[in-house]
Amino acid sequence: MTAQLNPRGDVAVLVPAAGAGVRLGPGGPKALRLLGGEPLLVHAVRRVAAAPSVRTIVVAAPPSEVAAVRHLLASVAAVTVVAGGAERQESVALALAAVPAGPEIILVHDAARALAPPELFESVAAAVRAGRPAVIPVLPVVDTVKEVDAGGVVLGTVDRSALRAVQTPQGFQRAVLAAAHAGAAGALTDDAGLVEKQGIPVTCVDGHEHALKITRPFDLAVATLLLPS
């Protein structure tokens, strides 16, 4: 049975957390690496659970760690834990299949964005609730961006005014996300990419600086500075 946080909520949040985290250096699965003495996944789920609209949380864990993750999260929030897949898309599809009838707004959130605040989940969910089929939080690109060829020679400077850096949680009408995964082909880095391939418009909302993706040791050090004192 899927655990529920808020029976009146209309949002289910999927947290794919089965990745190895190779770029973070030696250690266990990325979601179980420590930030301020607690696993990234604990930080992420705690913030998801604090969002008032969230009814259900489903975590896709490394297959060998399902029991350990259930135990880890038991005191954090009411969470359903399923075995994830070899690729992110497979993990999201497996988590989506575990969502019970009820929530029609589905958010997909990377455990690596462990410090995304509850208000960001509410903002994305509100845009889907208002009728947008797919919603992503974004930040403006502040660096100068160059297009280069295979040999590293600059071909030109990209106009950054139209560029955005994409974060999670990404939000979807349930039927839209289900159809996108049913027709998935090839590896993509986010669920919005699957939806785009279906020809469905994706809307942007303001992201949040605390929703940075923890990928390298440097990112972990930055995230440590953002922890509440």
Protein backbone atom coordinates (compact mmCIF):
# COMPACT_ATOMS: atom_id res chain seq x y z
CA MET A 1 0.00 0.00 0.00
CA THR A 2 1.30 3.44 -0.90
CA ALA A 3 1.80 5.71 2.08
CA GLN A 4 0.14 9.12 1.99
CA LEU A 5 1.24 12.34 3.65
CA ASN A 6 -1.81 14.49 3.05
CA PRO A 7 -5.03 12.73 1.97
CA ARG A 8 -6.34 16.03 0.60
CA GLY A 9 -3.22 16.76 -1.45
CA ASP A 10 -3.31 16.45 -5.23
CA VAL A 11 0.42 15.96 -5.88
CA ALA A 12 2.61 12.86 -6.07
CA VAL A 13 6.37 13.34 -6.08
CA LEU A 14 8.68 10.78 -7.69
CA VAL A 15 12.29 10.78 -6.49
CA PRO A 16 14.65 8.75 -8.72
CA ALA A 17 17.54 7.90 -6.40
CA ALA A 18 19.19 4.83 -7.93
CA GLY A 19 22.16 6.56 -9.56
CA ALA A 20 25.75 5.60 -8.72
CA GLY A 21 27.10 9.16 -8.51
CA VAL A 22 30.43 8.38 -10.20
CA ARG A 23 31.33 12.07 -10.60
CA LEU A 24 30.95 12.58 -6.86
CA GLY A 25 33.93 10.32 -6.26
CA PRO A 26 34.33 6.95 -4.54
CA GLY A 27 31.51 5.85 -2.26
CA GLY A 28 28.01 4.38 -2.29
CA PRO A 29 25.00 5.49 -4.37
CA LYS A 30 24.83 9.26 -4.78
CA ALA A 31 21.53 9.66 -2.94
CA LEU A 32 23.05 8.03 0.15
CA ARG A 33 26.16 10.24 0.30
CA LEU A 34 26.28 12.44 3.36
CA LEU A 35 25.61 16.17 3.47
CA GLY A 36 26.02 17.66 6.93
CA GLY A 37 25.89 14.19 8.45
CA GLU A 38 22.69 13.08 6.68
CA PRO A 39 22.18 11.38 3.30
CA LEU A 40 21.19 13.60 0.38
CA LEU A 41 18.00 11.58 0.06
CA VAL A 42 16.95 12.43 3.61
CA HIS A 43 17.42 16.14 2.95
CA ALA A 44 15.46 15.89 -0.30
CA VAL A 45 12.52 13.89 1.10
CA ARG A 46 12.25 16.10 4.17
CA ARG A 47 11.76 19.14 1.95
CA VAL A 48 9.32 17.35 -0.35
CA ALA A 49 7.24 16.28 2.64
CA ALA A 50 7.08 19.87 3.88
CA ALA A 51 5.20 20.99 0.75
CA PRO A 52 1.50 21.21 1.71
CA SER A 53 0.14 19.92 -1.62
CA VAL A 54 2.09 16.67 -1.56
CA ARG A 55 -0.05 13.58 -1.02
CA THR A 56 2.32 10.78 -2.01
CA ILE A 57 6.09 10.33 -2.28
CA VAL A 58 7.62 7.43 -4.21
CA VAL A 59 11.37 6.88 -4.10
CA ALA A 60 13.15 4.68 -6.66
CA ALA A 61 16.14 3.31 -4.76
CA PRO A 62 19.11 1.19 -5.84
CA PRO A 63 17.72 -2.38 -6.02
CA SER A 64 20.21 -3.62 -3.43
CA GLU A 65 19.31 -0.80 -1.03
CA VAL A 66 15.49 -0.88 -1.01
CA ALA A 67 15.18 -2.23 2.54
CA ALA A 68 17.88 0.12 3.83
CA VAL A 69 16.22 3.14 2.20
CA ARG A 70 12.83 2.21 3.68
CA HIS A 71 14.43 2.07 7.10
CA LEU A 72 16.34 5.31 6.51
CA LEU A 73 13.20 7.25 5.54
CA ALA A 74 10.79 5.70 8.05
CA SER A 75 11.31 8.51 10.53
CA VAL A 76 11.42 11.26 7.89
CA ALA A 77 8.11 10.93 6.04
CA ALA A 78 5.51 8.46 4.79
CA VAL A 79 7.24 7.19 1.66
CA THR A 80 6.82 4.28 -0.75
CA VAL A 81 10.17 2.82 -1.85
CA VAL A 82 10.54 0.78 -5.04
CA ALA A 83 13.55 -0.70 -6.79
CA GLY A 84 14.89 1.65 -9.46
CA GLY A 85 16.31 0.78 -12.85
CA ALA A 86 19.67 0.95 -14.56
CA GLU A 87 18.81 4.32 -16.14
CA ARG A 88 17.02 7.37 -14.78
CA GLN A 89 14.11 7.06 -17.20
CA GLU A 90 13.47 3.49 -16.07
CA SER A 91 13.55 4.54 -12.41
CA VAL A 92 10.99 7.29 -13.02
CA ALA A 93 8.71 4.89 -14.91
CA LEU A 94 8.89 2.34 -12.09
CA ALA A 95 8.11 5.02 -9.49
CA LEU A 96 5.22 6.34 -11.58
CA ALA A 97 3.73 2.85 -11.77
CA ALA A 98 3.63 2.77 -7.95
CA VAL A 99 1.52 5.94 -7.60
CA PRO A 100 -2.04 5.05 -6.54
CA ALA A 101 -5.20 6.51 -8.03
CA GLY A 102 -5.84 10.04 -6.86
CA PRO A 103 -2.99 12.47 -7.56
CA GLU A 104 -3.25 13.97 -11.04
CA ILE A 105 -0.22 16.22 -10.66
CA ILE A 106 3.10 14.39 -10.77
CA LEU A 107 6.40 16.05 -9.86
CA VAL A 108 9.73 14.39 -10.62
CA HIS A 109 12.59 15.49 -8.39
CA ASP A 110 16.25 14.50 -8.35
CA ALA A 111 17.58 13.48 -4.94
CA ALA A 112 20.79 15.25 -5.98
CA ARG A 113 18.90 18.56 -5.68
CA ALA A 114 18.61 17.86 -1.99
CA LEU A 115 18.06 21.45 -0.83
CA ALA A 116 15.22 22.47 -3.16
CA PRO A 117 12.81 24.32 -0.83
CA PRO A 118 9.15 23.32 -0.30
CA GLU A 119 7.94 26.53 -1.95
CA LEU A 120 9.53 25.47 -5.24
CA PHE A 121 7.40 22.29 -5.24
CA GLU A 122 4.32 24.40 -4.58
CA SER A 123 5.17 26.82 -7.38
CA VAL A 124 5.60 24.06 -9.96
CA ALA A 125 2.47 22.24 -8.80
CA ALA A 126 0.43 25.44 -8.94
CA ALA A 127 1.37 25.97 -12.59
CA VAL A 128 0.29 22.43 -13.49
CA ARG A 129 -2.90 22.90 -11.47
CA ALA A 130 -3.59 26.03 -13.53
CA GLY A 131 -3.69 23.93 -16.70
CA ARG A 132 -0.09 23.69 -17.91
CA PRO A 133 0.65 20.13 -19.10
CA ALA A 134 4.35 20.31 -18.22
CA VAL A 135 6.28 22.77 -16.06
CA ILE A 136 9.99 23.18 -15.29
CA PRO A 137 11.80 25.52 -12.88
CA VAL A 138 14.64 27.42 -14.52
CA LEU A 139 17.35 29.97 -13.81
CA PRO A 140 18.87 32.41 -16.32
CA VAL A 141 22.25 31.37 -17.73
CA VAL A 142 24.78 33.90 -16.44
CA ASP A 143 27.97 32.60 -18.07
CA THR A 144 29.04 33.42 -21.60
CA VAL A 145 28.34 30.33 -23.71
CA LYS A 146 30.46 29.30 -26.72
CA GLU A 147 29.65 26.77 -29.42
CA VAL A 148 32.74 24.71 -30.26
CA ASP A 149 33.61 22.01 -32.76
CA ALA A 150 35.01 18.53 -32.05
CA GLY A 151 38.54 19.94 -31.99
CA GLY A 152 37.73 22.57 -29.37
CA VAL A 153 37.71 25.50 -31.79
CA VAL A 154 35.10 28.17 -31.09
CA LEU A 155 32.42 28.40 -33.79
CA GLY A 156 30.54 31.29 -32.23
CA THR A 157 29.02 32.87 -29.14
CA VAL A 158 25.50 31.79 -28.19
CA ASP A 159 22.97 34.44 -27.24
CA ARG A 160 22.39 33.60 -23.59
CA SER A 161 19.32 35.80 -23.23
CA ALA A 162 17.15 32.94 -24.48
CA LEU A 163 18.96 30.22 -22.49
CA ARG A 164 17.84 28.78 -19.17
CA ALA A 165 19.38 26.25 -16.78
CA VAL A 166 16.77 23.64 -15.87
CA GLN A 167 16.18 22.31 -12.36
CA THR A 168 13.80 19.93 -10.65
CA PRO A 169 11.11 19.34 -9.49
CA GLN A 170 9.55 19.13 -12.93
CA GLY A 171 5.76 18.93 -12.94
CA PHE A 172 3.31 17.19 -15.26
CA GLN A 173 -0.29 16.29 -15.70
CA ARG A 174 -0.32 12.61 -14.86
CA ALA A 175 -1.58 11.46 -18.25
CA VAL A 176 1.06 13.54 -20.02
CA LEU A 177 3.95 12.03 -18.07
CA ALA A 178 2.58 8.49 -18.41
CA ALA A 179 2.24 8.86 -22.19
CA ALA A 180 5.75 10.33 -22.49
CA HIS A 181 7.29 7.39 -20.65
CA ALA A 182 5.21 4.87 -22.57
CA GLY A 183 6.72 6.23 -25.78
CA ALA A 184 10.23 6.80 -24.43
CA ALA A 185 13.11 5.93 -26.73
CA GLY A 186 16.73 6.74 -26.00
CA ALA A 187 18.33 8.27 -22.92
CA LEU A 188 17.40 11.81 -21.92
CA THR A 189 18.56 13.77 -18.89
CA ASP A 190 15.13 15.01 -17.83
CA ASP A 191 11.46 14.14 -18.13
CA ALA A 192 10.61 17.40 -19.84
CA GLY A 193 12.73 16.17 -22.75
CA LEU A 194 10.45 13.15 -23.12
CA VAL A 195 7.40 15.41 -23.12
CA GLU A 196 8.96 17.76 -25.68
CA LYS A 197 9.40 14.79 -28.02
CA GLN A 198 5.62 14.28 -27.81
CA GLY A 199 5.11 17.82 -29.12
CA ILE A 200 3.61 19.01 -25.82
CA PRO A 201 4.48 22.55 -24.65
CA VAL A 202 6.66 22.89 -21.57
CA THR A 203 6.26 26.03 -19.45
CA CYS A 204 8.97 27.64 -17.32
CA VAL A 205 8.63 29.05 -13.81
CA ASP A 206 11.30 30.67 -11.66
CA GLY A 207 13.75 28.23 -10.14
CA HIS A 208 15.63 28.59 -6.87
CA GLU A 209 19.36 28.90 -6.21
CA HIS A 210 19.17 26.35 -3.40
CA ALA A 211 17.97 23.72 -5.88
CA LEU A 212 21.51 23.26 -7.20
CA LYS A 213 22.43 19.78 -8.41
CA ILE A 214 25.04 18.04 -6.27
CA THR A 215 27.19 16.24 -8.84
CA ARG A 216 30.83 16.85 -7.87
CA PRO A 217 32.69 17.20 -4.55
CA PHE A 218 32.72 20.98 -5.06
CA ASP A 219 28.91 21.01 -5.25
CA LEU A 220 28.76 19.11 -1.99
CA ALA A 221 30.95 21.74 -0.35
CA VAL A 222 28.71 24.54 -1.64
CA ALA A 223 25.56 22.74 -0.43
CA THR A 224 27.11 22.39 3.02
CA LEU A 225 27.28 26.19 3.23
CA LEU A 226 23.55 26.39 2.46
CA LEU A 227 22.47 24.13 5.30
CA PRO A 228 20.55 25.80 8.12
CA SER A 229 22.85 26.70 10.98
